[in-house]
Amino acid sequence: MITITATEARKTFFELIKQTTLQHEIIEVQHKSGNAVIMSADDYDSLQETLLLLSQPDFKQAFDESIQQAETGEVASFEEVFGEPL
């Protein structure tokens, strides 16, 4: 994460937007009234989805079971899942 002052952020605001969207950088902006974070909307949405999944009570157990099944070859083919060949 890059940390800059609010004054620097103001001077380079449009470049910061490009940096967050194209390079997926997260930028912390320091200000005397408190710090803020600038990140791309796509990265924010992804973070929100991850938090939602991780907040589900049985998600980790189901995910771990899925990993074990994949490692032991207990997987369904594309055709079995979607009813058509890949």
N, C-alpha and C. Protein backbone atom coordinates (compact mmCIF):
# COMPACT_ATOMS: atom_id res chain seq x y z
N MET A 1 0.85 -1.16 0.00
CA MET A 1 0.00 0.00 0.00
C MET A 1 0.90 1.24 0.00
N ILE A 2 0.53 2.19 -0.80
CA ILE A 2 1.26 3.45 -0.89
C ILE A 2 0.60 4.43 0.08
N THR A 3 1.39 5.21 0.77
CA THR A 3 0.87 6.23 1.68
C THR A 3 1.33 7.60 1.22
N ILE A 4 0.36 8.52 1.08
CA ILE A 4 0.68 9.89 0.67
C ILE A 4 -0.13 10.86 1.50
N THR A 5 0.24 12.12 1.45
CA THR A 5 -0.51 13.15 2.17
C THR A 5 -1.71 13.57 1.34
N ALA A 6 -2.66 14.20 2.00
CA ALA A 6 -3.85 14.70 1.30
C ALA A 6 -3.46 15.75 0.26
N THR A 7 -2.44 16.55 0.55
CA THR A 7 -1.98 17.56 -0.41
C THR A 7 -1.44 16.88 -1.67
N GLU A 8 -0.64 15.83 -1.50
CA GLU A 8 -0.13 15.08 -2.66
C GLU A 8 -1.27 14.44 -3.44
N ALA A 9 -2.25 13.91 -2.73
CA ALA A 9 -3.38 13.26 -3.38
C ALA A 9 -4.17 14.27 -4.22
N ARG A 10 -4.35 15.44 -3.69
CA ARG A 10 -5.08 16.48 -4.42
C ARG A 10 -4.36 16.85 -5.71
N LYS A 11 -3.05 16.96 -5.64
CA LYS A 11 -2.26 17.36 -6.81
C LYS A 11 -2.26 16.28 -7.89
N THR A 12 -2.35 15.01 -7.50
CA THR A 12 -2.21 13.91 -8.45
C THR A 12 -3.46 13.02 -8.50
N PHE A 13 -4.60 13.60 -8.21
CA PHE A 13 -5.82 12.82 -8.06
C PHE A 13 -6.14 11.94 -9.27
N PHE A 14 -6.10 12.49 -10.47
CA PHE A 14 -6.45 11.71 -11.66
C PHE A 14 -5.42 10.60 -11.92
N GLU A 15 -4.17 10.86 -11.62
CA GLU A 15 -3.15 9.82 -11.75
C GLU A 15 -3.38 8.71 -10.72
N LEU A 16 -3.82 9.07 -9.53
CA LEU A 16 -4.12 8.07 -8.50
C LEU A 16 -5.26 7.16 -8.94
N ILE A 17 -6.26 7.74 -9.57
CA ILE A 17 -7.38 6.93 -10.06
C ILE A 17 -6.88 5.93 -11.09
N LYS A 18 -6.04 6.38 -12.01
CA LYS A 18 -5.47 5.46 -13.00
C LYS A 18 -4.65 4.37 -12.32
N GLN A 19 -3.87 4.76 -11.35
CA GLN A 19 -3.00 3.81 -10.64
C GLN A 19 -3.82 2.74 -9.92
N THR A 20 -4.92 3.14 -9.32
CA THR A 20 -5.73 2.17 -8.59
C THR A 20 -6.49 1.25 -9.54
N THR A 21 -6.95 1.78 -10.66
CA THR A 21 -7.74 0.94 -11.57
C THR A 21 -6.87 0.07 -12.47
N LEU A 22 -5.75 0.59 -12.93
CA LEU A 22 -4.92 -0.17 -13.87
C LEU A 22 -3.91 -1.08 -13.18
N GLN A 23 -3.39 -0.65 -12.03
CA GLN A 23 -2.35 -1.42 -11.35
C GLN A 23 -2.82 -2.04 -10.04
N HIS A 24 -4.08 -1.83 -9.70
CA HIS A 24 -4.67 -2.38 -8.47
C HIS A 24 -3.91 -1.95 -7.22
N GLU A 25 -3.38 -0.74 -7.25
CA GLU A 25 -2.71 -0.19 -6.06
C GLU A 25 -3.79 0.28 -5.07
N ILE A 26 -3.49 0.18 -3.81
CA ILE A 26 -4.33 0.75 -2.76
C ILE A 26 -3.53 1.88 -2.15
N ILE A 27 -4.16 3.03 -2.03
CA ILE A 27 -3.45 4.23 -1.59
C ILE A 27 -4.08 4.75 -0.31
N GLU A 28 -3.24 4.91 0.70
CA GLU A 28 -3.69 5.51 1.96
C GLU A 28 -3.37 6.99 1.91
N VAL A 29 -4.38 7.79 2.18
CA VAL A 29 -4.21 9.24 2.17
C VAL A 29 -4.26 9.72 3.62
N GLN A 30 -3.16 10.36 4.04
CA GLN A 30 -3.07 10.83 5.43
C GLN A 30 -3.55 12.29 5.51
N HIS A 31 -4.35 12.53 6.53
CA HIS A 31 -4.84 13.89 6.77
C HIS A 31 -4.96 14.07 8.28
N LYS A 32 -4.83 15.28 8.73
CA LYS A 32 -4.86 15.53 10.18
C LYS A 32 -6.19 15.14 10.82
N SER A 33 -7.27 15.13 10.03
CA SER A 33 -8.57 14.75 10.60
C SER A 33 -8.83 13.25 10.51
N GLY A 34 -7.90 12.51 9.90
CA GLY A 34 -8.03 11.05 9.79
C GLY A 34 -7.60 10.58 8.41
N ASN A 35 -7.25 9.35 8.31
CA ASN A 35 -6.76 8.79 7.05
C ASN A 35 -7.92 8.18 6.25
N ALA A 36 -7.70 8.11 4.94
CA ALA A 36 -8.68 7.51 4.03
C ALA A 36 -7.93 6.59 3.08
N VAL A 37 -8.68 5.74 2.39
CA VAL A 37 -8.09 4.81 1.45
C VAL A 37 -8.75 4.99 0.08
N ILE A 38 -7.91 4.97 -0.96
CA ILE A 38 -8.42 5.01 -2.33
C ILE A 38 -8.09 3.67 -2.97
N MET A 39 -9.12 3.04 -3.53
CA MET A 39 -8.93 1.77 -4.24
C MET A 39 -9.94 1.71 -5.38
N SER A 40 -9.68 0.83 -6.35
CA SER A 40 -10.59 0.72 -7.48
C SER A 40 -11.92 0.15 -7.04
N ALA A 41 -12.96 0.47 -7.78
CA ALA A 41 -14.29 -0.07 -7.49
C ALA A 41 -14.30 -1.59 -7.62
N ASP A 42 -13.58 -2.12 -8.62
CA ASP A 42 -13.52 -3.57 -8.79
C ASP A 42 -12.87 -4.25 -7.58
N ASP A 43 -11.77 -3.66 -7.08
CA ASP A 43 -11.11 -4.23 -5.91
C ASP A 43 -12.00 -4.12 -4.67
N TYR A 44 -12.72 -3.02 -4.55
CA TYR A 44 -13.64 -2.84 -3.42
C TYR A 44 -14.76 -3.89 -3.47
N ASP A 45 -15.34 -4.08 -4.66
CA ASP A 45 -16.41 -5.07 -4.82
C ASP A 45 -15.89 -6.47 -4.47
N SER A 46 -14.69 -6.78 -4.93
CA SER A 46 -14.09 -8.08 -4.64
C SER A 46 -13.88 -8.26 -3.14
N LEU A 47 -13.40 -7.23 -2.49
CA LEU A 47 -13.20 -7.27 -1.04
C LEU A 47 -14.53 -7.50 -0.31
N GLN A 48 -15.57 -6.79 -0.74
CA GLN A 48 -16.88 -6.95 -0.12
C GLN A 48 -17.42 -8.37 -0.29
N GLU A 49 -17.23 -8.94 -1.49
CA GLU A 49 -17.69 -10.30 -1.74
C GLU A 49 -16.93 -11.30 -0.88
N THR A 50 -15.62 -11.10 -0.75
CA THR A 50 -14.81 -11.98 0.10
C THR A 50 -15.27 -11.91 1.54
N LEU A 51 -15.51 -10.71 2.03
CA LEU A 51 -15.99 -10.55 3.41
C LEU A 51 -17.34 -11.22 3.62
N LEU A 52 -18.22 -11.09 2.62
CA LEU A 52 -19.53 -11.74 2.72
C LEU A 52 -19.38 -13.25 2.80
N LEU A 53 -18.56 -13.82 1.91
CA LEU A 53 -18.37 -15.28 1.92
C LEU A 53 -17.76 -15.75 3.24
N LEU A 54 -16.75 -15.03 3.71
CA LEU A 54 -16.09 -15.44 4.94
C LEU A 54 -16.97 -15.27 6.17
N SER A 55 -18.00 -14.46 6.06
CA SER A 55 -18.90 -14.27 7.20
C SER A 55 -19.97 -15.35 7.28
N GLN A 56 -20.09 -16.17 6.23
CA GLN A 56 -21.06 -17.26 6.24
C GLN A 56 -20.54 -18.37 7.16
N PRO A 57 -21.39 -18.84 8.08
CA PRO A 57 -20.92 -19.79 9.10
C PRO A 57 -20.26 -21.06 8.55
N ASP A 58 -20.79 -21.65 7.51
CA ASP A 58 -20.26 -22.93 7.03
C ASP A 58 -19.36 -22.80 5.81
N PHE A 59 -19.04 -21.58 5.40
CA PHE A 59 -18.28 -21.40 4.17
C PHE A 59 -16.90 -22.04 4.24
N LYS A 60 -16.16 -21.79 5.31
CA LYS A 60 -14.80 -22.33 5.40
C LYS A 60 -14.79 -23.84 5.35
N GLN A 61 -15.70 -24.47 6.06
CA GLN A 61 -15.75 -25.93 6.06
C GLN A 61 -16.08 -26.45 4.66
N ALA A 62 -17.06 -25.86 4.00
CA ALA A 62 -17.44 -26.29 2.65
C ALA A 62 -16.30 -26.05 1.67
N PHE A 63 -15.62 -24.94 1.82
CA PHE A 63 -14.49 -24.62 0.95
C PHE A 63 -13.36 -25.63 1.14
N ASP A 64 -13.02 -25.92 2.40
CA ASP A 64 -11.97 -26.89 2.69
C ASP A 64 -12.32 -28.27 2.14
N GLU A 65 -13.59 -28.66 2.25
CA GLU A 65 -14.03 -29.94 1.70
C GLU A 65 -13.88 -29.95 0.18
N SER A 66 -14.20 -28.86 -0.45
CA SER A 66 -14.07 -28.75 -1.91
C SER A 66 -12.61 -28.90 -2.34
N ILE A 67 -11.71 -28.30 -1.58
CA ILE A 67 -10.28 -28.41 -1.88
C ILE A 67 -9.85 -29.88 -1.77
N GLN A 68 -10.27 -30.54 -0.71
CA GLN A 68 -9.91 -31.95 -0.52
C GLN A 68 -10.46 -32.81 -1.67
N GLN A 69 -11.69 -32.55 -2.08
CA GLN A 69 -12.29 -33.30 -3.17
C GLN A 69 -11.51 -33.08 -4.47
N ALA A 70 -11.12 -31.87 -4.73
CA ALA A 70 -10.35 -31.57 -5.94
C ALA A 70 -8.99 -32.26 -5.90
N GLU A 71 -8.36 -32.27 -4.74
CA GLU A 71 -7.04 -32.90 -4.62
C GLU A 71 -7.10 -34.42 -4.78
N THR A 72 -8.22 -35.02 -4.40
CA THR A 72 -8.35 -36.47 -4.52
C THR A 72 -9.03 -36.88 -5.82
N GLY A 73 -9.32 -35.91 -6.67
CA GLY A 73 -9.92 -36.22 -7.96
C GLY A 73 -11.42 -36.40 -7.96
N GLU A 74 -12.05 -36.07 -6.86
CA GLU A 74 -13.51 -36.18 -6.77
C GLU A 74 -14.14 -34.92 -7.37
N VAL A 75 -14.06 -34.82 -8.68
CA VAL A 75 -14.58 -33.63 -9.36
C VAL A 75 -15.55 -34.04 -10.45
N ALA A 76 -16.43 -33.14 -10.81
CA ALA A 76 -17.36 -33.37 -11.90
C ALA A 76 -16.82 -32.69 -13.15
N SER A 77 -17.06 -33.30 -14.28
CA SER A 77 -16.61 -32.71 -15.54
C SER A 77 -17.51 -31.53 -15.90
N PHE A 78 -17.05 -30.73 -16.83
CA PHE A 78 -17.83 -29.61 -17.33
C PHE A 78 -19.18 -30.11 -17.85
N GLU A 79 -19.13 -31.22 -18.59
CA GLU A 79 -20.34 -31.76 -19.19
C GLU A 79 -21.32 -32.24 -18.11
N GLU A 80 -20.79 -32.85 -17.03
CA GLU A 80 -21.66 -33.31 -15.94
C GLU A 80 -22.34 -32.13 -15.24
N VAL A 81 -21.64 -31.04 -15.12
CA VAL A 81 -22.18 -29.87 -14.42
C VAL A 81 -23.16 -29.10 -15.30
N PHE A 82 -22.76 -28.86 -16.56
CA PHE A 82 -23.54 -27.96 -17.41
C PHE A 82 -24.36 -28.67 -18.48
N GLY A 83 -24.20 -30.00 -18.59
CA GLY A 83 -25.00 -30.76 -19.52
C GLY A 83 -24.62 -30.60 -20.98
N GLU A 84 -23.43 -30.08 -21.23
CA GLU A 84 -22.94 -29.95 -22.61
C GLU A 84 -21.43 -30.03 -22.60
N PRO A 85 -20.86 -30.46 -23.72
CA PRO A 85 -19.40 -30.58 -23.77
C PRO A 85 -18.72 -29.21 -23.78
N LEU A 86 -17.51 -29.20 -23.31
CA LEU A 86 -16.71 -27.96 -23.28
C LEU A 86 -16.26 -27.53 -24.63
